[in-house]
Amino acid sequence: MKTFLKALLLVPLSLIVVLLAIANRGPVRLSLDPFSADAPMLSYELPLFLVLFGAVMLGVLIGGIASWLGQSGHRRAGRRYRREARTLRTEVQQTRSHPGGLPALTSSQPR
């Protein structure tokens, strides 16, 4: 079912991308020189669809990096919670292994 839904979404999307590339294959000048409009130092002639796809890929990359940086606090909290759970799991196992008395003190436990 999941494969069918993925195909149902990706086939029309890929068809649209191919049609967009075919319809916009005319050359455009991409200038990287903001000071000289008449004779730019750095300029390239590319098909329009390459410029469009490059801009979309750059936007996805920048958005992914921004999202990853924005979630650093959640990842840090997750690591802290995993360490705490590991410590508590170890304490529970030590308590269960010594049912009649107190567990043996280890270096990680406060005295």
C-alpha atoms as a PDB file:
ATOM      1  CA  MET A   1       0.000   0.000   0.000  1.00  0.00           C
ATOM      2  CA  LYS A   2       2.840   2.373   0.892  1.00  0.00           C
ATOM      3  CA  THR A   3       4.572   1.668  -2.433  1.00  0.00           C
ATOM      4  CA  PHE A   4       1.373   2.353  -4.324  1.00  0.00           C
ATOM      5  CA  LEU A   5       0.852   5.708  -2.580  1.00  0.00           C
ATOM      6  CA  LYS A   6       4.475   6.661  -3.227  1.00  0.00           C
ATOM      7  CA  ALA A   7       4.083   5.821  -6.925  1.00  0.00           C
ATOM      8  CA  LEU A   8       0.757   7.667  -7.033  1.00  0.00           C
ATOM      9  CA  LEU A   9       2.545  10.795  -5.820  1.00  0.00           C
ATOM     10  CA  LEU A  10       5.906  10.483  -7.578  1.00  0.00           C
ATOM     11  CA  VAL A  11       4.746   9.559 -11.105  1.00  0.00           C
ATOM     12  CA  PRO A  12       2.703  12.756 -11.678  1.00  0.00           C
ATOM     13  CA  LEU A  13       5.363  14.851  -9.954  1.00  0.00           C
ATOM     14  CA  SER A  14       8.134  13.458 -12.161  1.00  0.00           C
ATOM     15  CA  LEU A  15       5.936  13.991 -15.236  1.00  0.00           C
ATOM     16  CA  ILE A  16       5.480  17.650 -14.246  1.00  0.00           C
ATOM     17  CA  VAL A  17       9.248  18.063 -13.726  1.00  0.00           C
ATOM     18  CA  VAL A  18      10.032  16.556 -17.141  1.00  0.00           C
ATOM     19  CA  LEU A  19       7.416  18.740 -18.849  1.00  0.00           C
ATOM     20  CA  LEU A  20       8.788  21.825 -17.087  1.00  0.00           C
ATOM     21  CA  ALA A  21      12.311  20.978 -18.249  1.00  0.00           C
ATOM     22  CA  ILE A  22      11.179  20.468 -21.861  1.00  0.00           C
ATOM     23  CA  ALA A  23       9.141  23.685 -21.936  1.00  0.00           C
ATOM     24  CA  ASN A  24      11.928  25.829 -20.410  1.00  0.00           C
ATOM     25  CA  ARG A  25      15.072  24.708 -22.175  1.00  0.00           C
ATOM     26  CA  GLY A  26      15.820  28.109 -23.736  1.00  0.00           C
ATOM     27  CA  PRO A  27      19.102  29.728 -22.667  1.00  0.00           C
ATOM     28  CA  VAL A  28      19.166  32.508 -20.090  1.00  0.00           C
ATOM     29  CA  ARG A  29      22.146  34.520 -18.913  1.00  0.00           C
ATOM     30  CA  LEU A  30      23.001  34.022 -15.246  1.00  0.00           C
ATOM     31  CA  SER A  31      25.188  36.922 -14.124  1.00  0.00           C
ATOM     32  CA  LEU A  32      27.173  36.863 -10.909  1.00  0.00           C
ATOM     33  CA  ASP A  33      28.480  40.419 -11.296  1.00  0.00           C
ATOM     34  CA  PRO A  34      26.174  42.939  -9.578  1.00  0.00           C
ATOM     35  CA  PHE A  35      28.127  46.017 -10.731  1.00  0.00           C
ATOM     36  CA  SER A  36      28.265  45.688 -14.517  1.00  0.00           C
ATOM     37  CA  ALA A  37      24.975  44.949 -16.263  1.00  0.00           C
ATOM     38  CA  ASP A  38      26.308  45.518 -19.789  1.00  0.00           C
ATOM     39  CA  ALA A  39      29.450  43.347 -19.728  1.00  0.00           C
ATOM     40  CA  PRO A  40      29.494  41.244 -16.548  1.00  0.00           C
ATOM     41  CA  MET A  41      32.735  39.574 -15.505  1.00  0.00           C
ATOM     42  CA  LEU A  42      31.075  36.353 -14.374  1.00  0.00           C
ATOM     43  CA  SER A  43      28.136  35.246 -16.456  1.00  0.00           C
ATOM     44  CA  TYR A  44      26.925  31.919 -17.770  1.00  0.00           C
ATOM     45  CA  GLU A  45      24.329  30.912 -20.302  1.00  0.00           C
ATOM     46  CA  LEU A  46      22.252  28.040 -18.977  1.00  0.00           C
ATOM     47  CA  PRO A  47      18.892  26.520 -19.831  1.00  0.00           C
ATOM     48  CA  LEU A  48      16.146  28.049 -17.691  1.00  0.00           C
ATOM     49  CA  PHE A  49      15.158  24.714 -16.166  1.00  0.00           C
ATOM     50  CA  LEU A  50      18.689  24.268 -14.760  1.00  0.00           C
ATOM     51  CA  VAL A  51      18.469  27.669 -13.097  1.00  0.00           C
ATOM     52  CA  LEU A  52      15.042  26.799 -11.659  1.00  0.00           C
ATOM     53  CA  PHE A  53      16.091  23.356 -10.418  1.00  0.00           C
ATOM     54  CA  GLY A  54      19.321  24.772  -8.980  1.00  0.00           C
ATOM     55  CA  ALA A  55      17.373  27.418  -7.073  1.00  0.00           C
ATOM     56  CA  VAL A  56      14.977  24.786  -5.700  1.00  0.00           C
ATOM     57  CA  MET A  57      17.854  22.515  -4.633  1.00  0.00           C
ATOM     58  CA  LEU A  58      19.655  25.435  -2.981  1.00  0.00           C
ATOM     59  CA  GLY A  59      16.451  26.345  -1.106  1.00  0.00           C
ATOM     60  CA  VAL A  60      15.976  22.767   0.081  1.00  0.00           C
ATOM     61  CA  LEU A  61      19.599  22.634   1.237  1.00  0.00           C
ATOM     62  CA  ILE A  62      19.405  25.939   3.123  1.00  0.00           C
ATOM     63  CA  GLY A  63      16.056  24.962   4.680  1.00  0.00           C
ATOM     64  CA  GLY A  64      17.423  21.593   5.774  1.00  0.00           C
ATOM     65  CA  ILE A  65      20.456  23.167   7.389  1.00  0.00           C
ATOM     66  CA  ALA A  66      18.300  25.768   9.162  1.00  0.00           C
ATOM     67  CA  SER A  67      15.950  23.050  10.421  1.00  0.00           C
ATOM     68  CA  TRP A  68      18.853  20.900  11.614  1.00  0.00           C
ATOM     69  CA  LEU A  69      20.401  23.845  13.480  1.00  0.00           C
ATOM     70  CA  GLY A  70      17.030  24.784  14.978  1.00  0.00           C
ATOM     71  CA  GLN A  71      16.523  21.295  16.405  1.00  0.00           C
ATOM     72  CA  SER A  72      19.874  21.093  18.194  1.00  0.00           C
ATOM     73  CA  GLY A  73      18.228  21.695  21.581  1.00  0.00           C
ATOM     74  CA  HIS A  74      15.896  18.739  21.070  1.00  0.00           C
ATOM     75  CA  ARG A  75      18.782  16.465  20.097  1.00  0.00           C
ATOM     76  CA  ARG A  76      20.770  17.605  23.143  1.00  0.00           C
ATOM     77  CA  ALA A  77      17.797  16.880  25.445  1.00  0.00           C
ATOM     78  CA  GLY A  78      17.370  13.460  23.821  1.00  0.00           C
ATOM     79  CA  ARG A  79      21.002  12.578  24.536  1.00  0.00           C
ATOM     80  CA  ARG A  80      20.609  13.717  28.136  1.00  0.00           C
ATOM     81  CA  TYR A  81      17.440  11.624  28.563  1.00  0.00           C
ATOM     82  CA  ARG A  82      19.137   8.558  27.056  1.00  0.00           C
ATOM     83  CA  ARG A  83      22.057   8.910  29.486  1.00  0.00           C
ATOM     84  CA  GLU A  84      19.639   9.283  32.400  1.00  0.00           C
ATOM     85  CA  ALA A  85      17.624   6.252  31.277  1.00  0.00           C
ATOM     86  CA  ARG A  86      20.818   4.195  30.971  1.00  0.00           C
ATOM     87  CA  THR A  87      21.852   5.190  34.503  1.00  0.00           C
ATOM     88  CA  LEU A  88      18.420   4.382  35.915  1.00  0.00           C
ATOM     89  CA  ARG A  89      18.328   1.042  34.072  1.00  0.00           C
ATOM     90  CA  THR A  90      21.686   0.127  35.598  1.00  0.00           C
ATOM     91  CA  GLU A  91      20.462   1.063  39.078  1.00  0.00           C
ATOM     92  CA  VAL A  92      17.312  -1.040  38.648  1.00  0.00           C
ATOM     93  CA  GLN A  93      19.349  -4.043  37.532  1.00  0.00           C
ATOM     94  CA  GLN A  94      21.662  -3.657  40.532  1.00  0.00           C
ATOM     95  CA  THR A  95      18.681  -3.397  42.887  1.00  0.00           C
ATOM     96  CA  ARG A  96      17.088  -6.527  41.401  1.00  0.00           C
ATOM     97  CA  SER A  97      20.334  -8.471  41.687  1.00  0.00           C
ATOM     98  CA  HIS A  98      20.485  -7.683  45.433  1.00  0.00           C
ATOM     99  CA  PRO A  99      16.880  -8.269  46.571  1.00  0.00           C
ATOM    100  CA  GLY A 100      17.518  -8.528  50.305  1.00  0.00           C
ATOM    101  CA  GLY A 101      19.782  -5.590  50.813  1.00  0.00           C
ATOM    102  CA  LEU A 102      21.076  -2.423  49.344  1.00  0.00           C
ATOM    103  CA  PRO A 103      22.890  -2.573  46.019  1.00  0.00           C
ATOM    104  CA  ALA A 104      26.633  -2.377  46.020  1.00  0.00           C
ATOM    105  CA  LEU A 105      27.928   1.154  45.644  1.00  0.00           C
ATOM    106  CA  THR A 106      29.652   1.905  42.368  1.00  0.00           C
ATOM    107  CA  SER A 107      31.721   4.873  41.333  1.00  0.00           C
ATOM    108  CA  SER A 108      28.777   6.413  39.466  1.00  0.00           C
ATOM    109  CA  GLN A 109      26.560   6.538  42.573  1.00  0.00           C
ATOM    110  CA  PRO A 110      26.893   9.436  45.052  1.00  0.00           C
ATOM    111  CA  ARG A 111      28.021   8.560  48.538  1.00  0.00           C
END
